[in-house]
Amino acid sequence: MLEVSNSDAISTATNLQWHAKDLLDTDTLTPEEIELVLTTAEAMHEVRSRPVGKVATLRGATVVTLFYEQSTRTRASFEVAAKALGADVVNLTASGSSVEKGESLIDTIRTLEAIGADVVVMRHGKSGAPYLAARHTSASVINGGDGTHAHPTQALLDLFTMRRHVGSLEGKKVVIVGDVLHSRVARSNLWTLMAAGASVTLCGPATLLPHTLAGQGEHGRCDVTTNFDKALEGADIVMALRIQKERQNSGLIPSLREYIRGYQLNARRLQIANPGALVMHPGPMNEGIEIAPDIAHGLGSVIEEQVTNGVAVRMALLYLITTARAR
C-alpha cells in the first residue's frame, strides 16, 4: 500500500503540483515544471544536509531500477535517493535476469508492475525503449538514459548545479564540447538550458556534431561550431562530454591525439572563457583526453558537486511523481 507522508521542508517547497505519470525527456517539460523540480530539489538538498539525511516521505512505495546497460552514478544515485525517502528499492540488471532467457521488455515491465512496482527507473541501449515501457504499464517510468536519445535526470541535475552557482541562466553562455552527436546528455541539456533562457554553443569535430540543432528557441538559442577556441569566448559554463573511444575505431575522429589537440578542455582554453567559468562533466571522465586532470579537479570544477546534487534532484523527481500517483 503506497503511503506518501510529507515532511514540512518538502511539502512547503512549492504550491505547484506535478501531474505527469512519467519522465521520459526534458523537451516536454514547461519552464514551470522545470522550476518545480528545481525548487523541490532545494528542499531535498536541505534534507540531505541534516545529520540523518532521510525522511519517511515515500514509505510504502516501491522503486525498481531496471538497467540494461552498466551504470554507476545514475543507478547508485537513484538507489540512495529512493532509500533517503523511505521507499523500498529493487535493483535489476539484464544480466542474470529473465532478459537473458529471451523475455521481452514489455513482459519484463508487466512483471514488475505485477509485483508492485510504483516507479521503474530504466536505462536501455535502444533509443525510445522507455517510451515503449511507459505505454505498457501503469507504473511510472523514469528514463535513466536511452541509447543516444535522452537523459533527463542528468540534464536537470546539471541545471540545478548551474543555478546554485550562477543564479538565473537567462543570457548566460553555456558551451558543450565533445561527441554531441551521440550524447543523450547533450540533447536533454539543450532543452532545459534553452527553456532557462541560456545561449548554448555545441562544439566538436564536424563528424560528431548534429547541425540540425542550431537555431533560436522560445527562450534561448543554440549555435553549432567546430572552433573550440571561438566557442569559448564569453562562456560562463563549459561542459565537456566523454569522448567514446570507439568513435576513433569507426573513423569519426582521425586519432585521440588529434582530438586532444583540437577539443580538450585545458588551462589555456579555459582562460578564453569568462573569469570564474564553471567546469562541468556528466561523467564518467576520460581524464587527459576530453579534459585535463588539473581542470577536472581545479577550483572552477563542480564535477563532484554534480554527483552530489544528482541525489537531491532524483529525490525531488521520485517525490513529485510518487505524490502525483497517490492523489
Protein backbone atom coordinates (compact mmCIF):
# COMPACT_ATOMS: atom_id res chain seq x y z
CA MET A 1 0.00 0.00 0.00
CA LEU A 2 1.56 3.27 -1.14
CA GLU A 3 1.85 5.79 1.66
CA VAL A 4 3.05 9.32 1.00
CA SER A 5 3.99 11.31 4.07
CA ASN A 6 5.07 14.93 3.60
CA SER A 7 7.80 16.47 5.72
CA ASP A 8 7.46 20.18 6.39
CA ALA A 9 10.63 21.09 4.47
CA ILE A 10 9.40 19.28 1.39
CA SER A 11 5.67 19.99 1.43
CA THR A 12 6.17 23.75 1.78
CA ALA A 13 8.73 23.93 -1.02
CA THR A 14 6.15 24.87 -3.64
CA ASN A 15 2.43 25.31 -4.17
CA LEU A 16 2.60 23.82 -7.65
CA GLN A 17 1.82 20.18 -8.37
CA TRP A 18 3.31 17.57 -10.67
CA HIS A 19 0.83 15.84 -12.97
CA ALA A 20 2.82 13.68 -15.42
CA LYS A 21 2.87 9.91 -14.92
CA ASP A 22 6.37 9.51 -16.40
CA LEU A 23 9.57 11.43 -17.03
CA LEU A 24 10.91 10.38 -20.41
CA ASP A 25 12.75 13.50 -21.62
CA THR A 26 13.09 17.20 -20.90
CA ASP A 27 11.65 18.51 -24.17
CA THR A 28 8.09 18.07 -22.89
CA LEU A 29 8.72 19.96 -19.63
CA THR A 30 7.46 23.50 -19.34
CA PRO A 31 9.62 26.17 -17.65
CA GLU A 32 7.17 25.98 -14.73
CA GLU A 33 7.63 22.22 -14.39
CA ILE A 34 11.40 22.59 -14.51
CA GLU A 35 11.16 25.25 -11.81
CA LEU A 36 9.02 22.89 -9.73
CA VAL A 37 11.70 20.20 -9.92
CA LEU A 38 14.49 22.61 -9.01
CA THR A 39 12.56 24.15 -6.12
CA THR A 40 11.73 20.71 -4.73
CA ALA A 41 15.37 19.67 -5.18
CA GLU A 42 16.43 22.60 -2.99
CA ALA A 43 14.23 21.21 -0.23
CA MET A 44 15.73 17.75 -0.77
CA HIS A 45 19.22 19.23 -0.65
CA GLU A 46 18.35 20.66 2.77
CA VAL A 47 17.12 17.23 3.90
CA ARG A 48 20.40 15.63 2.76
CA SER A 49 22.39 18.21 4.75
CA ARG A 50 20.82 17.08 8.03
CA PRO A 51 22.73 14.69 10.32
CA VAL A 52 20.44 11.80 9.36
CA GLY A 53 19.56 12.98 5.84
CA LYS A 54 16.50 10.79 5.47
CA VAL A 55 12.72 11.14 5.71
CA ALA A 56 9.86 8.63 5.52
CA THR A 57 8.07 10.57 2.79
CA LEU A 58 7.70 7.60 0.41
CA ARG A 59 7.21 4.85 2.95
CA GLY A 60 5.32 2.04 1.26
CA ALA A 61 6.43 2.94 -2.28
CA THR A 62 8.49 0.50 -4.36
CA VAL A 63 11.11 1.82 -6.75
CA VAL A 64 12.70 -0.59 -9.24
CA THR A 65 15.91 0.23 -11.10
CA LEU A 66 15.93 -1.69 -14.39
CA PHE A 67 19.25 -1.27 -16.16
CA TYR A 68 20.04 -2.91 -19.48
CA GLU A 69 23.35 -1.02 -19.59
CA GLN A 70 26.06 -0.61 -16.99
CA SER A 71 25.87 2.45 -14.78
CA THR A 72 27.47 3.71 -11.61
CA ARG A 73 26.37 7.30 -10.99
CA THR A 74 22.78 7.19 -12.20
CA ARG A 75 21.88 3.87 -10.68
CA ALA A 76 23.55 4.47 -7.31
CA SER A 77 22.11 7.98 -7.18
CA PHE A 78 18.54 6.75 -7.69
CA GLU A 79 19.01 3.99 -5.12
CA VAL A 80 20.32 6.43 -2.50
CA ALA A 81 17.56 8.92 -3.37
CA ALA A 82 14.78 6.33 -3.03
CA LYS A 83 16.11 4.98 0.26
CA ALA A 84 16.56 8.51 1.62
CA LEU A 85 12.82 9.00 1.07
CA GLY A 86 11.92 5.74 2.79
CA ALA A 87 10.97 3.79 -0.34
CA ASP A 88 11.69 0.11 -0.90
CA VAL A 89 14.25 -0.42 -3.68
CA VAL A 90 14.68 -3.38 -6.03
CA ASN A 91 17.70 -3.44 -8.36
CA LEU A 92 17.56 -5.43 -11.60
CA THR A 93 20.01 -5.82 -14.45
CA ALA A 94 19.60 -7.55 -17.79
CA SER A 95 22.46 -9.83 -16.84
CA GLY A 96 21.22 -12.59 -14.59
CA SER A 97 17.54 -11.81 -15.15
CA SER A 98 14.87 -13.35 -17.38
CA VAL A 99 16.02 -11.00 -20.13
CA GLU A 100 18.86 -13.45 -20.76
CA LYS A 101 16.22 -16.13 -21.30
CA GLY A 102 14.57 -14.09 -24.03
CA GLU A 103 11.94 -12.20 -22.04
CA SER A 104 10.75 -9.11 -23.90
CA LEU A 105 10.84 -5.60 -22.49
CA ILE A 106 7.05 -5.49 -22.36
CA ASP A 107 6.89 -8.79 -20.46
CA THR A 108 9.53 -7.56 -18.03
CA ILE A 109 7.79 -4.27 -17.34
CA ARG A 110 4.46 -6.02 -16.82
CA THR A 111 6.09 -8.45 -14.39
CA LEU A 112 7.48 -5.53 -12.38
CA GLU A 113 4.03 -3.95 -12.26
CA ALA A 114 2.54 -7.24 -11.10
CA ILE A 115 4.96 -7.47 -8.16
CA GLY A 116 4.02 -3.96 -7.04
CA ALA A 117 6.46 -1.54 -8.63
CA ASP A 118 5.27 2.06 -8.32
CA VAL A 119 8.20 3.62 -10.17
CA VAL A 120 10.58 1.98 -12.65
CA VAL A 121 13.85 3.78 -13.35
CA MET A 122 15.03 2.40 -16.66
CA ARG A 123 18.22 2.58 -18.71
CA HIS A 124 18.31 0.93 -22.12
CA GLY A 125 20.70 0.86 -25.05
CA LYS A 126 17.92 1.42 -27.58
CA SER A 127 16.56 4.91 -28.08
CA GLY A 128 12.85 5.04 -27.29
CA ALA A 129 12.73 1.93 -25.10
CA PRO A 130 11.40 3.80 -22.01
CA TYR A 131 8.57 5.20 -24.13
CA LEU A 132 7.55 1.67 -25.09
CA ALA A 133 7.72 0.56 -21.47
CA ALA A 134 5.63 3.52 -20.27
CA ARG A 135 2.84 2.67 -22.73
CA HIS A 136 2.50 -0.86 -21.32
CA THR A 137 2.42 -0.24 -17.58
CA SER A 138 0.52 1.77 -15.04
CA ALA A 139 3.77 2.15 -13.07
CA SER A 140 5.59 5.43 -13.55
CA VAL A 141 8.68 5.21 -15.77
CA ILE A 142 11.70 7.47 -15.34
CA ASN A 143 14.18 7.43 -18.20
CA GLY A 144 17.66 6.85 -16.79
CA GLY A 145 19.18 7.12 -20.28
CA ASP A 146 18.08 5.58 -23.58
CA GLY A 147 20.53 4.99 -26.41
CA THR A 148 21.73 8.27 -27.87
CA HIS A 149 18.38 9.94 -27.27
CA ALA A 150 17.84 11.37 -23.79
CA HIS A 151 18.99 11.52 -20.17
CA PRO A 152 16.52 13.88 -18.49
CA THR A 153 17.61 13.50 -14.87
CA GLN A 154 21.22 14.30 -15.77
CA ALA A 155 20.08 17.47 -17.52
CA LEU A 156 18.01 18.53 -14.53
CA LEU A 157 20.83 17.95 -12.06
CA ASP A 158 23.18 19.88 -14.34
CA LEU A 159 20.76 22.80 -14.42
CA PHE A 160 20.33 22.60 -10.65
CA THR A 161 24.11 22.76 -10.20
CA MET A 162 24.44 25.71 -12.58
CA ARG A 163 21.70 27.64 -10.83
CA ARG A 164 23.30 27.20 -7.42
CA HIS A 165 26.45 28.87 -8.74
CA VAL A 166 25.37 31.47 -11.29
CA GLY A 167 21.73 32.09 -10.42
CA SER A 168 19.48 32.73 -13.38
CA LEU A 169 20.64 31.22 -16.68
CA GLU A 170 18.95 33.99 -18.64
CA GLY A 171 21.52 35.34 -21.11
CA LYS A 172 24.31 33.05 -19.85
CA LYS A 173 26.50 31.27 -22.38
CA VAL A 174 26.94 27.52 -22.00
CA VAL A 175 29.41 25.60 -24.16
CA ILE A 176 29.02 21.83 -24.56
CA VAL A 177 32.01 20.23 -26.26
CA GLY A 178 32.70 16.70 -27.41
CA ASP A 179 30.75 13.88 -29.01
CA VAL A 180 27.46 15.79 -29.16
CA LEU A 181 26.06 13.64 -31.96
CA HIS A 182 25.90 10.50 -29.82
CA SER A 183 25.28 12.21 -26.47
CA ARG A 184 21.92 11.74 -24.76
CA VAL A 185 23.15 14.15 -22.09
CA ALA A 186 23.73 16.97 -24.58
CA ARG A 187 20.27 16.62 -26.11
CA SER A 188 18.42 16.73 -22.80
CA ASN A 189 20.61 19.57 -21.54
CA LEU A 190 19.88 21.61 -24.64
CA TRP A 191 16.13 21.69 -23.96
CA THR A 192 16.44 22.64 -20.28
CA LEU A 193 19.09 25.29 -20.93
CA MET A 194 17.15 26.94 -23.72
CA ALA A 195 13.99 26.86 -21.59
CA ALA A 196 16.00 28.66 -18.91
CA GLY A 197 16.99 31.37 -21.41
CA ALA A 198 20.62 30.34 -21.89
CA SER A 199 22.63 30.65 -25.09
CA VAL A 200 24.05 27.21 -25.88
CA THR A 201 27.00 26.51 -28.16
CA LEU A 202 27.58 22.91 -29.24
CA CYS A 203 31.17 22.26 -30.28
CA GLY A 204 33.19 19.34 -31.60
CA PRO A 205 34.56 17.77 -34.76
CA ALA A 206 32.19 18.10 -37.70
CA THR A 207 31.65 14.32 -37.70
CA LEU A 208 30.37 14.47 -34.11
CA LEU A 209 28.00 17.44 -34.42
CA PRO A 210 24.26 17.43 -35.19
CA HIS A 211 23.95 20.68 -37.15
CA THR A 212 20.16 20.40 -37.25
CA LEU A 213 20.00 21.52 -33.60
CA ALA A 214 21.15 25.07 -34.36
CA GLY A 215 18.53 27.79 -34.12
CA GLN A 216 16.50 30.13 -31.96
CA GLY A 217 14.11 28.77 -29.35
CA GLU A 218 11.31 30.47 -27.45
CA HIS A 219 13.64 31.50 -24.63
CA GLY A 220 17.26 30.73 -25.64
CA ARG A 221 19.25 29.84 -28.72
CA CYS A 222 21.66 27.18 -29.93
CA ASP A 223 24.76 27.61 -32.09
CA VAL A 224 26.93 24.86 -33.55
CA THR A 225 30.64 25.23 -34.33
CA THR A 226 33.80 23.22 -34.84
CA ASN A 227 36.04 26.02 -33.48
CA PHE A 228 36.52 25.38 -29.76
CA ASP A 229 38.59 28.49 -29.04
CA LYS A 230 35.97 30.68 -30.71
CA ALA A 231 33.17 28.92 -28.87
CA LEU A 232 34.78 29.61 -25.50
CA GLU A 233 34.74 33.38 -25.92
CA GLY A 234 32.34 34.80 -23.33
CA ALA A 235 31.45 31.37 -21.93
CA ASP A 236 30.06 31.26 -18.39
CA ILE A 237 29.86 27.46 -18.21
CA VAL A 238 31.82 24.80 -20.09
CA MET A 239 30.69 21.18 -20.14
CA ALA A 240 32.98 18.55 -21.60
CA LEU A 241 31.46 15.28 -22.82
CA ARG A 242 33.10 11.88 -22.69
CA ILE A 243 34.72 11.01 -25.98
CA GLN A 244 33.78 7.45 -26.74
CA LYS A 245 36.94 5.76 -27.92
CA GLU A 246 35.00 3.55 -30.32
CA ARG A 247 34.40 6.69 -32.40
CA GLN A 248 38.08 6.59 -33.36
CA ASN A 249 37.75 2.98 -34.49
CA SER A 250 34.74 3.88 -36.62
CA GLY A 251 36.66 6.66 -38.35
CA LEU A 252 34.67 9.58 -36.91
CA ILE A 253 37.85 11.12 -35.50
CA PRO A 254 41.32 10.66 -37.01
CA SER A 255 43.03 9.91 -33.68
CA LEU A 256 42.77 10.66 -29.98
CA ARG A 257 45.87 12.83 -30.31
CA GLU A 258 44.13 14.99 -32.90
CA TYR A 259 41.02 15.19 -30.76
CA ILE A 260 43.04 16.28 -27.72
CA ARG A 261 44.78 18.96 -29.75
CA GLY A 262 41.53 20.39 -31.06
CA TYR A 263 38.98 19.85 -28.31
CA GLN A 264 40.50 19.08 -24.92
CA LEU A 265 39.38 21.47 -22.18
CA ASN A 266 42.68 22.57 -20.65
CA ALA A 267 44.11 25.55 -18.77
CA ARG A 268 44.94 27.55 -21.89
CA ARG A 269 41.48 27.16 -23.31
CA LEU A 270 39.70 27.84 -20.04
CA GLN A 271 41.41 31.24 -19.92
CA ILE A 272 39.46 32.18 -23.06
CA ALA A 273 36.16 31.77 -21.20
CA ASN A 274 34.84 34.33 -18.74
CA PRO A 275 36.74 34.56 -15.43
CA GLY A 276 35.36 32.04 -12.95
CA ALA A 277 33.63 29.96 -15.62
CA LEU A 278 32.17 26.73 -14.26
CA VAL A 279 33.66 23.45 -15.45
CA MET A 280 31.28 20.50 -15.74
CA HIS A 281 31.26 16.91 -16.97
CA PRO A 282 28.43 14.36 -16.74
CA GLY A 283 30.89 11.50 -16.18
CA PRO A 284 32.50 9.14 -16.48
CA MET A 285 35.56 11.17 -17.44
CA ASN A 286 38.50 10.25 -19.62
CA GLU A 287 40.99 12.49 -17.87
CA GLY A 288 43.73 13.58 -20.22
CA ILE A 289 41.50 13.22 -23.28
CA GLU A 290 38.41 15.46 -23.24
CA ILE A 291 39.50 17.26 -20.08
CA ALA A 292 42.90 17.89 -18.49
CA PRO A 293 43.26 16.47 -14.95
CA ASP A 294 44.14 19.83 -13.41
CA ILE A 295 40.97 21.36 -14.85
CA ALA A 296 38.79 18.40 -13.85
CA HIS A 297 39.89 18.87 -10.24
CA GLY A 298 40.54 22.61 -10.30
CA LEU A 299 38.86 25.47 -8.47
CA GLY A 300 36.29 26.04 -11.21
CA SER A 301 35.23 22.40 -11.38
CA VAL A 302 31.82 21.39 -9.99
CA ILE A 303 32.01 17.85 -11.33
CA GLU A 304 31.89 16.15 -7.91
CA GLU A 305 29.10 18.51 -6.88
CA GLN A 306 27.10 17.34 -9.91
CA VAL A 307 27.18 13.82 -8.49
CA THR A 308 26.09 15.04 -5.05
CA ASN A 309 23.31 17.18 -6.50
CA GLY A 310 22.10 14.23 -8.52
CA VAL A 311 20.76 12.63 -5.34
CA ALA A 312 18.73 15.74 -4.39
CA VAL A 313 17.28 16.12 -7.89
CA ARG A 314 16.34 12.45 -8.14
CA MET A 315 14.79 12.62 -4.68
CA ALA A 316 12.72 15.53 -5.95
CA LEU A 317 11.56 13.63 -9.03
CA LEU A 318 10.71 10.48 -7.10
CA TYR A 319 8.78 12.57 -4.59
CA LEU A 320 6.87 14.56 -7.23
CA ILE A 321 5.98 11.56 -9.39
CA THR A 322 5.01 9.32 -6.48
CA THR A 323 2.97 12.04 -4.82
CA ALA A 324 1.11 12.58 -8.09
CA ARG A 325 0.31 8.85 -8.19
CA ALA A 326 -1.16 8.99 -4.69
CA ARG A 327 -3.55 11.85 -5.44
